[in-house]
């Protein structure tokens, strides 16, 4: 049986990938290491515990803690690092936390991967490392032009991973995903925040003119891309995983209002984010040459996502209290 360590497996993308892997590979045992910060949620894994308990182990721990990492990684052949501080707005508030997790935590994982001679180590990164792309699409060899503490911390983790490949021969692969959406996404991010707000007839805060462009990918398409890179990617290489769905934030907002039957007057334009990147776009030729392509259309996946949040209020309502409300007030009250 192949033993796989998935860090950040109680988060949004990580939990979806844990489920994807256990369903696809009956001979894999998955170990989840997660610190359970505000965005890590054991409820994301409740069905996994029930359905795959004999092939699933949960370990609470921080990737920046060498002892926890050493214990979790022992006997694992594959490692996928989803663990990260990941919200740009929070990185502007508290950049130090992002450096500790996204850079130092990655270093700790790489040290353990070197010690245990793992077979493959996948560093999950983001299209934001390329920075603002006015025209064309980013290719894997393009210069990294980070513009927020979040993207800088993710680039730092990437560069450390690549250095361990070159210097120590750690079998590293890197994926750079575009903006994800889908089930179990913490409601600070645009799509789940806006869906859950409009369900309660609360206005949605659109930054600036709302014309910022992102390439959106359904989380299960992202999972399949990561999985292909894990098994078929060339060591030492980076792979873009994008959905090919470039939409403005305002278009996304209108689609959510359309799917929920809510009025346009729920849109509230607010002061833009400092250093807000105008456009991201990924060239996915490289991963498509491995045989990957998205399986979900934007229309279908958005409809499924809205329906999931409508049906799972018991999951998201508790998350929008306490710490979330304090953050929401800090972020939007005076904007």
C-alpha atoms as a PDB file:
ATOM      1  CA  UNK A   1       0.000   0.000   0.000  1.00  0.00           C
ATOM      2  CA  UNK A   2       1.307   3.447  -0.975  1.00  0.00           C
ATOM      3  CA  UNK A   3       1.417   5.892   1.925  1.00  0.00           C
ATOM      4  CA  UNK A   4       0.775   9.546   1.080  1.00  0.00           C
ATOM      5  CA  UNK A   5       1.212  12.617   3.286  1.00  0.00           C
ATOM      6  CA  UNK A   6      -1.138  15.492   2.481  1.00  0.00           C
ATOM      7  CA  UNK A   7      -0.414  18.637   4.468  1.00  0.00           C
ATOM      8  CA  UNK A   8      -3.251  21.131   4.827  1.00  0.00           C
ATOM      9  CA  UNK A   9      -5.647  18.301   4.098  1.00  0.00           C
ATOM     10  CA  UNK A  10      -8.399  19.809   6.261  1.00  0.00           C
ATOM     11  CA  UNK A  11      -8.479  22.940   4.119  1.00  0.00           C
ATOM     12  CA  UNK A  12     -10.495  23.628   0.982  1.00  0.00           C
ATOM     13  CA  UNK A  13      -8.364  22.250  -1.856  1.00  0.00           C
ATOM     14  CA  UNK A  14      -6.576  19.765   0.388  1.00  0.00           C
ATOM     15  CA  UNK A  15      -9.756  18.083   1.642  1.00  0.00           C
ATOM     16  CA  UNK A  16     -11.112  17.813  -1.886  1.00  0.00           C
ATOM     17  CA  UNK A  17      -7.846  16.186  -2.965  1.00  0.00           C
ATOM     18  CA  UNK A  18      -7.871  13.756  -0.015  1.00  0.00           C
ATOM     19  CA  UNK A  19     -11.346  12.638  -1.097  1.00  0.00           C
ATOM     20  CA  UNK A  20     -10.276  12.470  -4.759  1.00  0.00           C
ATOM     21  CA  UNK A  21      -7.227  10.321  -3.961  1.00  0.00           C
ATOM     22  CA  UNK A  22      -8.979   7.864  -1.651  1.00  0.00           C
ATOM     23  CA  UNK A  23     -11.773   7.354  -4.182  1.00  0.00           C
ATOM     24  CA  UNK A  24      -9.361   6.855  -7.087  1.00  0.00           C
ATOM     25  CA  UNK A  25      -6.671   4.704  -5.471  1.00  0.00           C
ATOM     26  CA  UNK A  26      -7.953   1.848  -3.271  1.00  0.00           C
ATOM     27  CA  UNK A  27      -4.368   0.826  -2.464  1.00  0.00           C
ATOM     28  CA  UNK A  28      -3.347   4.245  -1.047  1.00  0.00           C
ATOM     29  CA  UNK A  29      -3.286   5.221   2.624  1.00  0.00           C
ATOM     30  CA  UNK A  30      -3.554   8.977   3.219  1.00  0.00           C
ATOM     31  CA  UNK A  31      -2.060  10.758   6.220  1.00  0.00           C
ATOM     32  CA  UNK A  32      -3.397  14.302   6.727  1.00  0.00           C
ATOM     33  CA  UNK A  33      -1.265  16.773   8.675  1.00  0.00           C
ATOM     34  CA  UNK A  34      -3.142  19.974   9.475  1.00  0.00           C
ATOM     35  CA  UNK A  35      -2.731  22.714  12.081  1.00  0.00           C
ATOM     36  CA  UNK A  36      -6.493  23.396  12.068  1.00  0.00           C
ATOM     37  CA  UNK A  37      -6.232  27.157  11.807  1.00  0.00           C
ATOM     38  CA  UNK A  38      -9.398  29.180  11.154  1.00  0.00           C
ATOM     39  CA  UNK A  39      -9.511  27.768   7.583  1.00  0.00           C
ATOM     40  CA  UNK A  40      -8.733  24.165   8.535  1.00  0.00           C
ATOM     41  CA  UNK A  41     -11.899  22.334   9.447  1.00  0.00           C
ATOM     42  CA  UNK A  42     -12.363  18.701  10.461  1.00  0.00           C
ATOM     43  CA  UNK A  43     -15.933  18.956   9.173  1.00  0.00           C
ATOM     44  CA  UNK A  44     -14.361  19.005   5.691  1.00  0.00           C
ATOM     45  CA  UNK A  45     -13.144  15.458   6.336  1.00  0.00           C
ATOM     46  CA  UNK A  46     -16.125  14.022   8.245  1.00  0.00           C
ATOM     47  CA  UNK A  47     -17.303  11.803   5.387  1.00  0.00           C
ATOM     48  CA  UNK A  48     -13.726  10.625   4.755  1.00  0.00           C
ATOM     49  CA  UNK A  49     -13.376   9.415   8.339  1.00  0.00           C
ATOM     50  CA  UNK A  50     -16.634   7.509   7.899  1.00  0.00           C
ATOM     51  CA  UNK A  51     -15.994   6.053   4.426  1.00  0.00           C
ATOM     52  CA  UNK A  52     -12.245   5.457   4.410  1.00  0.00           C
ATOM     53  CA  UNK A  53     -11.308   5.133   8.077  1.00  0.00           C
ATOM     54  CA  UNK A  54      -9.048   2.145   7.464  1.00  0.00           C
ATOM     55  CA  UNK A  55      -6.983   4.055   4.859  1.00  0.00           C
ATOM     56  CA  UNK A  56      -6.973   7.495   6.456  1.00  0.00           C
ATOM     57  CA  UNK A  57      -5.059   8.965   9.381  1.00  0.00           C
ATOM     58  CA  UNK A  58      -5.364  12.487  10.753  1.00  0.00           C
ATOM     59  CA  UNK A  59      -2.507  14.175  12.595  1.00  0.00           C
ATOM     60  CA  UNK A  60      -2.911  17.625  14.119  1.00  0.00           C
ATOM     61  CA  UNK A  61       0.283  19.578  13.665  1.00  0.00           C
ATOM     62  CA  UNK A  62       2.061  22.554  12.119  1.00  0.00           C
ATOM     63  CA  UNK A  63       4.293  22.124   9.061  1.00  0.00           C
ATOM     64  CA  UNK A  64       6.683  24.574  10.748  1.00  0.00           C
ATOM     65  CA  UNK A  65       7.134  22.073  13.618  1.00  0.00           C
ATOM     66  CA  UNK A  66       9.942  19.620  12.736  1.00  0.00           C
ATOM     67  CA  UNK A  67       8.800  17.047  15.304  1.00  0.00           C
ATOM     68  CA  UNK A  68       5.218  16.925  14.017  1.00  0.00           C
ATOM     69  CA  UNK A  69       6.411  16.780  10.409  1.00  0.00           C
ATOM     70  CA  UNK A  70       8.909  14.015  11.134  1.00  0.00           C
ATOM     71  CA  UNK A  71       6.291  11.850  12.801  1.00  0.00           C
ATOM     72  CA  UNK A  72       3.708  12.413  10.048  1.00  0.00           C
ATOM     73  CA  UNK A  73       6.067  11.854   7.102  1.00  0.00           C
ATOM     74  CA  UNK A  74       7.733   8.677   8.349  1.00  0.00           C
ATOM     75  CA  UNK A  75       7.115   5.757   5.942  1.00  0.00           C
ATOM     76  CA  UNK A  76       5.385   8.021   3.362  1.00  0.00           C
ATOM     77  CA  UNK A  77       6.388   7.672  -0.288  1.00  0.00           C
ATOM     78  CA  UNK A  78       4.520  10.715  -1.624  1.00  0.00           C
ATOM     79  CA  UNK A  79       4.160  14.178  -0.065  1.00  0.00           C
ATOM     80  CA  UNK A  80       1.810  16.918  -1.297  1.00  0.00           C
ATOM     81  CA  UNK A  81       2.073  20.281   0.438  1.00  0.00           C
ATOM     82  CA  UNK A  82      -1.282  22.073   0.381  1.00  0.00           C
ATOM     83  CA  UNK A  83      -0.668  23.718   3.770  1.00  0.00           C
ATOM     84  CA  UNK A  84      -0.503  27.485   3.414  1.00  0.00           C
ATOM     85  CA  UNK A  85      -1.739  30.804   4.614  1.00  0.00           C
ATOM     86  CA  UNK A  86      -3.609  31.718   1.475  1.00  0.00           C
ATOM     87  CA  UNK A  87      -5.714  34.885   1.612  1.00  0.00           C
ATOM     88  CA  UNK A  88      -4.185  38.025   0.088  1.00  0.00           C
ATOM     89  CA  UNK A  89      -6.118  40.428   2.328  1.00  0.00           C
ATOM     90  CA  UNK A  90      -4.890  38.630   5.456  1.00  0.00           C
ATOM     91  CA  UNK A  91      -1.312  38.672   4.128  1.00  0.00           C
ATOM     92  CA  UNK A  92      -1.520  42.461   3.910  1.00  0.00           C
ATOM     93  CA  UNK A  93      -2.554  42.526   7.582  1.00  0.00           C
ATOM     94  CA  UNK A  94      -0.095  39.932   8.907  1.00  0.00           C
ATOM     95  CA  UNK A  95       2.688  39.068   6.443  1.00  0.00           C
ATOM     96  CA  UNK A  96       4.851  37.375   9.082  1.00  0.00           C
ATOM     97  CA  UNK A  97       2.420  34.471   9.459  1.00  0.00           C
ATOM     98  CA  UNK A  98       2.622  33.831   5.723  1.00  0.00           C
ATOM     99  CA  UNK A  99       6.408  33.708   5.761  1.00  0.00           C
ATOM    100  CA  UNK A 100       6.407  31.250   8.673  1.00  0.00           C
ATOM    101  CA  UNK A 101       3.989  28.814   7.062  1.00  0.00           C
ATOM    102  CA  UNK A 102       4.584  29.213   3.346  1.00  0.00           C
ATOM    103  CA  UNK A 103       8.385  29.561   3.398  1.00  0.00           C
ATOM    104  CA  UNK A 104       9.732  28.181   6.671  1.00  0.00           C
ATOM    105  CA  UNK A 105       7.097  25.438   6.826  1.00  0.00           C
ATOM    106  CA  UNK A 106       8.014  24.339   3.302  1.00  0.00           C
ATOM    107  CA  UNK A 107      11.676  24.211   4.357  1.00  0.00           C
ATOM    108  CA  UNK A 108      10.800  21.954   7.305  1.00  0.00           C
ATOM    109  CA  UNK A 109       8.875  19.607   4.995  1.00  0.00           C
ATOM    110  CA  UNK A 110      11.744  19.500   2.498  1.00  0.00           C
ATOM    111  CA  UNK A 111      14.214  18.622   5.247  1.00  0.00           C
ATOM    112  CA  UNK A 112      12.036  15.683   6.289  1.00  0.00           C
ATOM    113  CA  UNK A 113      11.509  14.649   2.651  1.00  0.00           C
ATOM    114  CA  UNK A 114      15.286  14.579   2.215  1.00  0.00           C
ATOM    115  CA  UNK A 115      15.727  12.546   5.407  1.00  0.00           C
ATOM    116  CA  UNK A 116      13.132   9.938   4.444  1.00  0.00           C
ATOM    117  CA  UNK A 117      14.044   9.873   0.723  1.00  0.00           C
ATOM    118  CA  UNK A 118      10.437  10.275  -0.410  1.00  0.00           C
ATOM    119  CA  UNK A 119       9.636   9.271  -3.996  1.00  0.00           C
ATOM    120  CA  UNK A 120       7.784  12.455  -4.965  1.00  0.00           C
ATOM    121  CA  UNK A 121       7.169  15.836  -3.324  1.00  0.00           C
ATOM    122  CA  UNK A 122       4.554  18.149  -4.852  1.00  0.00           C
ATOM    123  CA  UNK A 123       4.580  21.811  -3.825  1.00  0.00           C
ATOM    124  CA  UNK A 124       1.139  23.339  -4.431  1.00  0.00           C
ATOM    125  CA  UNK A 125       1.554  26.949  -5.549  1.00  0.00           C
ATOM    126  CA  UNK A 126      -0.478  29.649  -7.276  1.00  0.00           C
ATOM    127  CA  UNK A 127      -0.701  31.681 -10.472  1.00  0.00           C
ATOM    128  CA  UNK A 128      -0.247  34.787  -8.306  1.00  0.00           C
ATOM    129  CA  UNK A 129       3.534  34.227  -8.294  1.00  0.00           C
ATOM    130  CA  UNK A 130       3.574  35.604 -11.868  1.00  0.00           C
ATOM    131  CA  UNK A 131       2.022  38.893 -10.784  1.00  0.00           C
ATOM    132  CA  UNK A 132      -0.127  41.119 -12.959  1.00  0.00           C
ATOM    133  CA  UNK A 133      -0.377  39.905 -16.583  1.00  0.00           C
ATOM    134  CA  UNK A 134      -1.786  42.707 -18.802  1.00  0.00           C
ATOM    135  CA  UNK A 135      -1.594  40.645 -22.007  1.00  0.00           C
ATOM    136  CA  UNK A 136      -0.970  37.051 -22.996  1.00  0.00           C
ATOM    137  CA  UNK A 137      -0.689  34.152 -20.565  1.00  0.00           C
ATOM    138  CA  UNK A 138       1.986  33.079 -18.095  1.00  0.00           C
ATOM    139  CA  UNK A 139       4.239  30.170 -18.986  1.00  0.00           C
ATOM    140  CA  UNK A 140       6.160  28.126 -16.445  1.00  0.00           C
ATOM    141  CA  UNK A 141       9.514  29.651 -17.413  1.00  0.00           C
ATOM    142  CA  UNK A 142       8.332  33.240 -17.017  1.00  0.00           C
ATOM    143  CA  UNK A 143       9.837  35.479 -14.365  1.00  0.00           C
ATOM    144  CA  UNK A 144       8.096  35.531 -10.991  1.00  0.00           C
ATOM    145  CA  UNK A 145       6.831  39.067 -10.248  1.00  0.00           C
ATOM    146  CA  UNK A 146       5.120  38.824  -6.865  1.00  0.00           C
ATOM    147  CA  UNK A 147       3.081  41.820  -5.723  1.00  0.00           C
ATOM    148  CA  UNK A 148       1.589  40.791  -2.350  1.00  0.00           C
ATOM    149  CA  UNK A 149       3.043  39.210   0.791  1.00  0.00           C
ATOM    150  CA  UNK A 150       0.953  36.114  -0.002  1.00  0.00           C
ATOM    151  CA  UNK A 151       2.316  35.621  -3.518  1.00  0.00           C
ATOM    152  CA  UNK A 152       5.848  36.406  -2.309  1.00  0.00           C
ATOM    153  CA  UNK A 153       5.589  33.752   0.396  1.00  0.00           C
ATOM    154  CA  UNK A 154       4.325  31.176  -2.110  1.00  0.00           C
ATOM    155  CA  UNK A 155       7.149  32.035  -4.511  1.00  0.00           C
ATOM    156  CA  UNK A 156       9.596  31.672  -1.621  1.00  0.00           C
ATOM    157  CA  UNK A 157       8.282  28.183  -0.896  1.00  0.00           C
ATOM    158  CA  UNK A 158       8.563  27.271  -4.579  1.00  0.00           C
ATOM    159  CA  UNK A 159      12.136  28.508  -4.819  1.00  0.00           C
ATOM    160  CA  UNK A 160      13.116  26.584  -1.700  1.00  0.00           C
ATOM    161  CA  UNK A 161      11.557  23.430  -3.145  1.00  0.00           C
ATOM    162  CA  UNK A 162      13.427  23.845  -6.433  1.00  0.00           C
ATOM    163  CA  UNK A 163      16.683  24.495  -4.553  1.00  0.00           C
ATOM    164  CA  UNK A 164      16.242  21.209  -2.672  1.00  0.00           C
ATOM    165  CA  UNK A 165      15.731  19.434  -5.990  1.00  0.00           C
ATOM    166  CA  UNK A 166      18.921  20.898  -7.466  1.00  0.00           C
ATOM    167  CA  UNK A 167      21.104  20.730  -4.344  1.00  0.00           C
ATOM    168  CA  UNK A 168      19.936  17.569  -2.607  1.00  0.00           C
ATOM    169  CA  UNK A 169      18.041  15.674  -5.277  1.00  0.00           C
ATOM    170  CA  UNK A 170      14.707  15.855  -3.437  1.00  0.00           C
ATOM    171  CA  UNK A 171      12.191  14.749  -6.122  1.00  0.00           C
ATOM    172  CA  UNK A 172      10.209  17.991  -6.278  1.00  0.00           C
ATOM    173  CA  UNK A 173       7.356  18.959  -8.585  1.00  0.00           C
ATOM    174  CA  UNK A 174       5.504  22.290  -8.505  1.00  0.00           C
ATOM    175  CA  UNK A 175       1.939  23.102  -9.549  1.00  0.00           C
ATOM    176  CA  UNK A 176       0.641  26.641 -10.019  1.00  0.00           C
ATOM    177  CA  UNK A 177      -3.143  26.700  -9.851  1.00  0.00           C
ATOM    178  CA  UNK A 178      -5.504  29.463 -10.878  1.00  0.00           C
ATOM    179  CA  UNK A 179      -8.415  30.682  -8.715  1.00  0.00           C
ATOM    180  CA  UNK A 180     -10.304  27.713  -7.270  1.00  0.00           C
ATOM    181  CA  UNK A 181     -13.975  27.438  -6.343  1.00  0.00           C
ATOM    182  CA  UNK A 182     -16.237  24.627  -5.208  1.00  0.00           C
ATOM    183  CA  UNK A 183     -17.454  22.762  -2.086  1.00  0.00           C
ATOM    184  CA  UNK A 184     -15.851  23.366   1.317  1.00  0.00           C
ATOM    185  CA  UNK A 185     -14.223  26.710   0.410  1.00  0.00           C
ATOM    186  CA  UNK A 186     -13.838  28.940   3.466  1.00  0.00           C
ATOM    187  CA  UNK A 187     -16.206  31.918   3.076  1.00  0.00           C
ATOM    188  CA  UNK A 188     -13.561  34.659   3.115  1.00  0.00           C
ATOM    189  CA  UNK A 189     -12.849  34.028  -0.602  1.00  0.00           C
ATOM    190  CA  UNK A 190     -14.863  35.835  -3.262  1.00  0.00           C
ATOM    191  CA  UNK A 191     -17.233  33.142  -4.526  1.00  0.00           C
ATOM    192  CA  UNK A 192     -18.263  31.532  -1.197  1.00  0.00           C
ATOM    193  CA  UNK A 193     -18.373  34.932   0.537  1.00  0.00           C
ATOM    194  CA  UNK A 194     -20.677  36.354  -2.104  1.00  0.00           C
ATOM    195  CA  UNK A 195     -22.886  33.255  -2.276  1.00  0.00           C
ATOM    196  CA  UNK A 196     -23.381  33.111   1.490  1.00  0.00           C
ATOM    197  CA  UNK A 197     -23.897  36.875   1.760  1.00  0.00           C
ATOM    198  CA  UNK A 198     -26.615  37.012  -0.874  1.00  0.00           C
ATOM    199  CA  UNK A 199     -28.376  34.004   0.628  1.00  0.00           C
ATOM    200  CA  UNK A 200     -28.879  36.271   3.654  1.00  0.00           C
ATOM    201  CA  UNK A 201     -29.546  39.382   1.522  1.00  0.00           C
ATOM    202  CA  UNK A 202     -26.288  40.990   2.693  1.00  0.00           C
ATOM    203  CA  UNK A 203     -24.517  43.260   0.226  1.00  0.00           C
ATOM    204  CA  UNK A 204     -21.372  41.928  -1.452  1.00  0.00           C
ATOM    205  CA  UNK A 205     -18.202  44.109  -1.397  1.00  0.00           C
ATOM    206  CA  UNK A 206     -16.818  44.440  -4.946  1.00  0.00           C
ATOM    207  CA  UNK A 207     -13.319  45.939  -4.980  1.00  0.00           C
ATOM    208  CA  UNK A 208     -12.779  49.022  -7.154  1.00  0.00           C
ATOM    209  CA  UNK A 209     -14.559  48.775 -10.487  1.00  0.00           C
ATOM    210  CA  UNK A 210     -14.846  44.981 -10.342  1.00  0.00           C
ATOM    211  CA  UNK A 211     -12.955  44.571 -13.614  1.00  0.00           C
ATOM    212  CA  UNK A 212     -10.108  42.512 -12.163  1.00  0.00           C
ATOM    213  CA  UNK A 213      -9.747  39.334 -14.223  1.00  0.00           C
ATOM    214  CA  UNK A 214      -9.056  35.869 -12.828  1.00  0.00           C
ATOM    215  CA  UNK A 215      -8.847  32.443 -14.445  1.00  0.00           C
ATOM    216  CA  UNK A 216     -11.288  30.239 -12.524  1.00  0.00           C
ATOM    217  CA  UNK A 217     -10.919  26.473 -12.087  1.00  0.00           C
ATOM    218  CA  UNK A 218     -13.329  24.086 -10.383  1.00  0.00           C
ATOM    219  CA  UNK A 219     -11.585  22.435  -7.457  1.00  0.00           C
ATOM    220  CA  UNK A 220     -12.033  18.882  -8.780  1.00  0.00           C
ATOM    221  CA  UNK A 221     -10.369  19.844 -12.066  1.00  0.00           C
ATOM    222  CA  UNK A 222      -7.500  21.269 -10.044  1.00  0.00           C
ATOM    223  CA  UNK A 223      -7.293  18.013  -8.075  1.00  0.00           C
ATOM    224  CA  UNK A 224      -7.073  15.932 -11.238  1.00  0.00           C
ATOM    225  CA  UNK A 225      -4.302  18.180 -12.556  1.00  0.00           C
ATOM    226  CA  UNK A 226      -2.292  17.917  -9.340  1.00  0.00           C
ATOM    227  CA  UNK A 227      -2.777  14.159  -9.336  1.00  0.00           C
ATOM    228  CA  UNK A 228      -1.491  13.832 -12.893  1.00  0.00           C
ATOM    229  CA  UNK A 229       1.590  15.894 -12.067  1.00  0.00           C
ATOM    230  CA  UNK A 230       2.227  13.740  -8.990  1.00  0.00           C
ATOM    231  CA  UNK A 231       2.215  10.536 -11.027  1.00  0.00           C
ATOM    232  CA  UNK A 232       3.412  11.641 -14.475  1.00  0.00           C
ATOM    233  CA  UNK A 233       5.203  14.987 -14.093  1.00  0.00           C
ATOM    234  CA  UNK A 234       8.905  15.426 -14.766  1.00  0.00           C
ATOM    235  CA  UNK A 235      10.894  15.949 -11.587  1.00  0.00           C
ATOM    236  CA  UNK A 236      12.150  19.471 -11.013  1.00  0.00           C
ATOM    237  CA  UNK A 237       9.476  20.983 -13.254  1.00  0.00           C
ATOM    238  CA  UNK A 238       6.592  23.379 -12.628  1.00  0.00           C
ATOM    239  CA  UNK A 239       3.152  22.947 -14.208  1.00  0.00           C
ATOM    240  CA  UNK A 240       0.377  25.523 -14.620  1.00  0.00           C
ATOM    241  CA  UNK A 241      -3.094  24.194 -13.786  1.00  0.00           C
ATOM    242  CA  UNK A 242      -5.690  26.677 -15.065  1.00  0.00           C
ATOM    243  CA  UNK A 243      -9.332  26.348 -15.951  1.00  0.00           C
ATOM    244  CA  UNK A 244      -9.287  28.562 -19.039  1.00  0.00           C
ATOM    245  CA  UNK A 245     -12.214  30.560 -17.641  1.00  0.00           C
ATOM    246  CA  UNK A 246     -11.179  34.195 -17.477  1.00  0.00           C
ATOM    247  CA  UNK A 247     -13.899  36.292 -15.870  1.00  0.00           C
ATOM    248  CA  UNK A 248     -13.997  39.694 -14.220  1.00  0.00           C
ATOM    249  CA  UNK A 249     -14.962  39.829 -10.560  1.00  0.00           C
ATOM    250  CA  UNK A 250     -18.101  41.695 -11.617  1.00  0.00           C
ATOM    251  CA  UNK A 251     -19.052  38.914 -14.048  1.00  0.00           C
ATOM    252  CA  UNK A 252     -18.663  36.390 -11.221  1.00  0.00           C
ATOM    253  CA  UNK A 253     -20.842  38.568  -9.002  1.00  0.00           C
ATOM    254  CA  UNK A 254     -23.579  38.843 -11.623  1.00  0.00           C
ATOM    255  CA  UNK A 255     -23.507  35.055 -12.162  1.00  0.00           C
ATOM    256  CA  UNK A 256     -23.973  34.432  -8.432  1.00  0.00           C
ATOM    257  CA  UNK A 257     -26.893  36.866  -8.282  1.00  0.00           C
ATOM    258  CA  UNK A 258     -28.429  35.216 -11.348  1.00  0.00           C
ATOM    259  CA  UNK A 259     -28.106  31.688  -9.922  1.00  0.00           C
ATOM    260  CA  UNK A 260     -29.543  32.716  -6.551  1.00  0.00           C
ATOM    261  CA  UNK A 261     -32.284  34.920  -8.007  1.00  0.00           C
ATOM    262  CA  UNK A 262     -31.072  37.959  -6.081  1.00  0.00           C
ATOM    263  CA  UNK A 263     -31.201  41.627  -7.182  1.00  0.00           C
ATOM    264  CA  UNK A 264     -28.303  43.723  -8.501  1.00  0.00           C
ATOM    265  CA  UNK A 265     -28.697  46.223  -5.660  1.00  0.00           C
ATOM    266  CA  UNK A 266     -26.875  43.750  -3.407  1.00  0.00           C
ATOM    267  CA  UNK A 267     -23.647  44.866  -5.127  1.00  0.00           C
ATOM    268  CA  UNK A 268     -21.654  47.391  -3.086  1.00  0.00           C
ATOM    269  CA  UNK A 269     -18.527  48.909  -4.655  1.00  0.00           C
ATOM    270  CA  UNK A 270     -15.776  49.441  -2.068  1.00  0.00           C
ATOM    271  CA  UNK A 271     -12.238  50.805  -1.974  1.00  0.00           C
ATOM    272  CA  UNK A 272      -9.841  48.571  -3.890  1.00  0.00           C
ATOM    273  CA  UNK A 273      -7.242  46.310  -2.286  1.00  0.00           C
ATOM    274  CA  UNK A 274      -3.704  47.807  -2.084  1.00  0.00           C
ATOM    275  CA  UNK A 275      -1.560  46.570  -4.974  1.00  0.00           C
ATOM    276  CA  UNK A 276      -4.481  44.626  -6.444  1.00  0.00           C
ATOM    277  CA  UNK A 277      -3.336  42.630  -9.488  1.00  0.00           C
ATOM    278  CA  UNK A 278      -5.517  43.411 -12.484  1.00  0.00           C
ATOM    279  CA  UNK A 279      -5.300  40.146 -14.402  1.00  0.00           C
ATOM    280  CA  UNK A 280      -3.986  36.597 -14.117  1.00  0.00           C
ATOM    281  CA  UNK A 281      -3.860  34.177 -17.026  1.00  0.00           C
ATOM    282  CA  UNK A 282      -2.192  30.770 -17.339  1.00  0.00           C
ATOM    283  CA  UNK A 283      -0.826  28.963 -20.376  1.00  0.00           C
ATOM    284  CA  UNK A 284      -1.626  25.292 -19.660  1.00  0.00           C
ATOM    285  CA  UNK A 285       0.043  23.763 -22.722  1.00  0.00           C
ATOM    286  CA  UNK A 286       2.604  21.907 -20.609  1.00  0.00           C
ATOM    287  CA  UNK A 287       0.157  19.987 -18.404  1.00  0.00           C
ATOM    288  CA  UNK A 288      -2.164  19.341 -21.338  1.00  0.00           C
ATOM    289  CA  UNK A 289       0.750  17.568 -23.021  1.00  0.00           C
ATOM    290  CA  UNK A 290       0.633  15.124 -20.107  1.00  0.00           C
ATOM    291  CA  UNK A 291      -2.988  14.397 -21.041  1.00  0.00           C
ATOM    292  CA  UNK A 292      -4.899  16.676 -18.664  1.00  0.00           C
ATOM    293  CA  UNK A 293      -7.884  18.831 -19.480  1.00  0.00           C
ATOM    294  CA  UNK A 294     -10.698  20.264 -17.348  1.00  0.00           C
ATOM    295  CA  UNK A 295     -13.839  18.138 -17.129  1.00  0.00           C
ATOM    296  CA  UNK A 296     -16.245  20.801 -15.819  1.00  0.00           C
ATOM    297  CA  UNK A 297     -17.577  23.768 -17.740  1.00  0.00           C
ATOM    298  CA  UNK A 298     -17.730  27.062 -15.885  1.00  0.00           C
ATOM    299  CA  UNK A 299     -21.539  27.186 -16.118  1.00  0.00           C
ATOM    300  CA  UNK A 300     -21.996  23.666 -14.744  1.00  0.00           C
ATOM    301  CA  UNK A 301     -19.456  24.007 -11.946  1.00  0.00           C
ATOM    302  CA  UNK A 302     -20.747  27.406 -10.801  1.00  0.00           C
ATOM    303  CA  UNK A 303     -24.282  26.060 -10.651  1.00  0.00           C
ATOM    304  CA  UNK A 304     -23.099  23.036  -8.640  1.00  0.00           C
ATOM    305  CA  UNK A 305     -21.133  25.288  -6.292  1.00  0.00           C
ATOM    306  CA  UNK A 306     -24.096  27.579  -5.595  1.00  0.00           C
ATOM    307  CA  UNK A 307     -26.334  24.556  -5.038  1.00  0.00           C
ATOM    308  CA  UNK A 308     -23.807  23.053  -2.615  1.00  0.00           C
ATOM    309  CA  UNK A 309     -23.756  26.185  -0.464  1.00  0.00           C
ATOM    310  CA  UNK A 310     -27.553  26.397  -0.557  1.00  0.00           C
ATOM    311  CA  UNK A 311     -27.785  22.793   0.684  1.00  0.00           C
ATOM    312  CA  UNK A 312     -24.993  22.977   3.258  1.00  0.00           C
ATOM    313  CA  UNK A 313     -25.856  25.909   5.504  1.00  0.00           C
ATOM    314  CA  UNK A 314     -25.005  23.771   8.546  1.00  0.00           C
ATOM    315  CA  UNK A 315     -21.425  23.669   7.268  1.00  0.00           C
ATOM    316  CA  UNK A 316     -20.851  27.363   6.512  1.00  0.00           C
ATOM    317  CA  UNK A 317     -23.026  29.235   9.015  1.00  0.00           C
ATOM    318  CA  UNK A 318     -20.835  28.368  12.030  1.00  0.00           C
ATOM    319  CA  UNK A 319     -17.775  29.540  10.068  1.00  0.00           C
ATOM    320  CA  UNK A 320     -19.228  33.021   9.547  1.00  0.00           C
ATOM    321  CA  UNK A 321     -19.324  33.807  13.264  1.00  0.00           C
ATOM    322  CA  UNK A 322     -16.627  34.599  15.832  1.00  0.00           C
ATOM    323  CA  UNK A 323     -13.216  35.117  14.220  1.00  0.00           C
ATOM    324  CA  UNK A 324     -14.729  35.536  10.778  1.00  0.00           C
ATOM    325  CA  UNK A 325     -17.012  38.366  11.884  1.00  0.00           C
ATOM    326  CA  UNK A 326     -14.087  40.201  13.491  1.00  0.00           C
ATOM    327  CA  UNK A 327     -12.080  39.836  10.276  1.00  0.00           C
ATOM    328  CA  UNK A 328     -15.043  40.898   8.118  1.00  0.00           C
ATOM    329  CA  UNK A 329     -15.556  44.059  10.151  1.00  0.00           C
ATOM    330  CA  UNK A 330     -11.856  44.950  10.018  1.00  0.00           C
ATOM    331  CA  UNK A 331     -11.748  44.348   6.296  1.00  0.00           C
ATOM    332  CA  UNK A 332     -14.974  45.924   5.061  1.00  0.00           C
ATOM    333  CA  UNK A 333     -16.614  48.134   7.706  1.00  0.00           C
ATOM    334  CA  UNK A 334     -14.753  51.308   6.710  1.00  0.00           C
ATOM    335  CA  UNK A 335     -14.075  50.465   3.096  1.00  0.00           C
END
